[in-house]
Amino acid sequence: MTELFLPPGVLLLCVVPALALLPRALSRLALATVPPVVLVYLWLLPESATLPLHLAGFDLQLVRITAMGRLFASAFLLATW
């Protein structure tokens, strides 16, 4: 298994504060281009990528990339576009 550095959802949420600071034309351009970029990033991740977290003696997996999860994430990203 490979460890995931940045989950696709966090990448999408990092753009939100920048949209408030950009001029209106640039924010519309960013809104149109960011979901496809995150979608490409999602599909470039390896199948077994995870984001583990050790908390209070428990081993948690915050994110795990699977085929079905990738399909659902793609549907949600297309809905945001």
Protein backbone atom coordinates (compact mmCIF):
# COMPACT_ATOMS: atom_id res chain seq x y z
CA MET A 1 0.00 0.00 0.00
CA THR A 2 1.17 3.49 -0.74
CA GLU A 3 0.48 6.36 1.59
CA LEU A 4 -1.56 9.21 0.23
CA PHE A 5 -0.15 12.68 0.64
CA LEU A 6 -3.19 14.82 -0.20
CA PRO A 7 -6.75 13.49 -0.53
CA PRO A 8 -8.66 14.74 -3.60
CA GLY A 9 -11.40 16.28 -1.44
CA VAL A 10 -8.89 18.38 0.48
CA LEU A 11 -7.40 19.56 -2.80
CA LEU A 12 -10.85 20.71 -3.88
CA LEU A 13 -11.48 22.46 -0.55
CA CYS A 14 -8.15 24.30 -0.69
CA VAL A 15 -9.43 26.28 -3.66
CA VAL A 16 -12.46 27.70 -1.82
CA PRO A 17 -10.58 30.40 0.19
CA ALA A 18 -8.71 31.44 -2.94
CA LEU A 19 -12.00 32.02 -4.77
CA ALA A 20 -12.93 34.77 -2.32
CA LEU A 21 -9.68 36.59 -3.01
CA LEU A 22 -9.71 36.34 -6.80
CA PRO A 23 -11.51 38.76 -9.10
CA ARG A 24 -14.86 37.56 -10.39
CA ALA A 25 -13.63 36.52 -13.85
CA LEU A 26 -10.73 34.52 -12.44
CA SER A 27 -12.91 32.87 -9.81
CA ARG A 28 -15.31 31.69 -12.51
CA LEU A 29 -12.37 30.31 -14.49
CA ALA A 30 -11.10 28.53 -11.38
CA LEU A 31 -14.55 27.09 -10.69
CA ALA A 32 -14.62 25.71 -14.23
CA THR A 33 -11.11 24.22 -14.22
CA VAL A 34 -10.54 22.90 -10.70
CA PRO A 35 -13.02 19.94 -10.69
CA PRO A 36 -11.56 18.40 -13.90
CA VAL A 37 -8.03 18.84 -12.52
CA VAL A 38 -9.01 17.09 -9.27
CA LEU A 39 -10.72 14.36 -11.33
CA VAL A 40 -7.50 13.72 -13.25
CA TYR A 41 -5.58 13.69 -9.95
CA LEU A 42 -8.06 11.16 -8.55
CA TRP A 43 -7.60 8.81 -11.50
CA LEU A 44 -3.80 9.11 -11.36
CA LEU A 45 -3.71 7.85 -7.76
CA PRO A 46 -2.75 4.18 -7.34
CA GLU A 47 -5.50 1.72 -6.45
CA SER A 48 -4.20 0.94 -2.97
CA ALA A 49 -3.38 4.48 -1.80
CA THR A 50 -4.39 5.18 1.79
CA LEU A 51 -4.17 7.97 4.32
CA PRO A 52 -3.54 6.27 7.68
CA LEU A 53 -3.84 7.93 11.07
CA HIS A 54 -2.81 6.49 14.42
CA LEU A 55 -5.02 8.01 17.11
CA ALA A 56 -5.54 6.87 20.71
CA GLY A 57 -4.22 3.39 20.00
CA PHE A 58 -6.39 2.91 16.92
CA ASP A 59 -5.17 2.64 13.34
CA LEU A 60 -7.60 4.60 11.17
CA GLN A 61 -7.76 4.90 7.39
CA LEU A 62 -9.11 8.34 6.60
CA VAL A 63 -8.97 7.74 2.84
CA ARG A 64 -8.61 4.50 0.88
CA ILE A 65 -8.67 4.50 -2.91
CA THR A 66 -10.72 1.63 -4.34
CA ALA A 67 -12.37 1.10 -7.71
CA MET A 68 -15.88 1.68 -6.34
CA GLY A 69 -14.78 4.69 -4.27
CA ARG A 70 -13.08 6.19 -7.32
CA LEU A 71 -16.32 5.82 -9.27
CA PHE A 72 -18.38 7.55 -6.56
CA ALA A 73 -15.78 10.30 -6.17
CA SER A 74 -15.86 10.87 -9.93
CA ALA A 75 -19.65 11.20 -9.86
CA PHE A 76 -19.46 13.79 -7.05
CA LEU A 77 -16.71 15.72 -8.81
CA LEU A 78 -18.73 15.81 -12.02
CA ALA A 79 -21.70 17.08 -10.00
CA THR A 80 -19.60 19.98 -8.66
CA TRP A 81 -18.55 20.90 -12.16
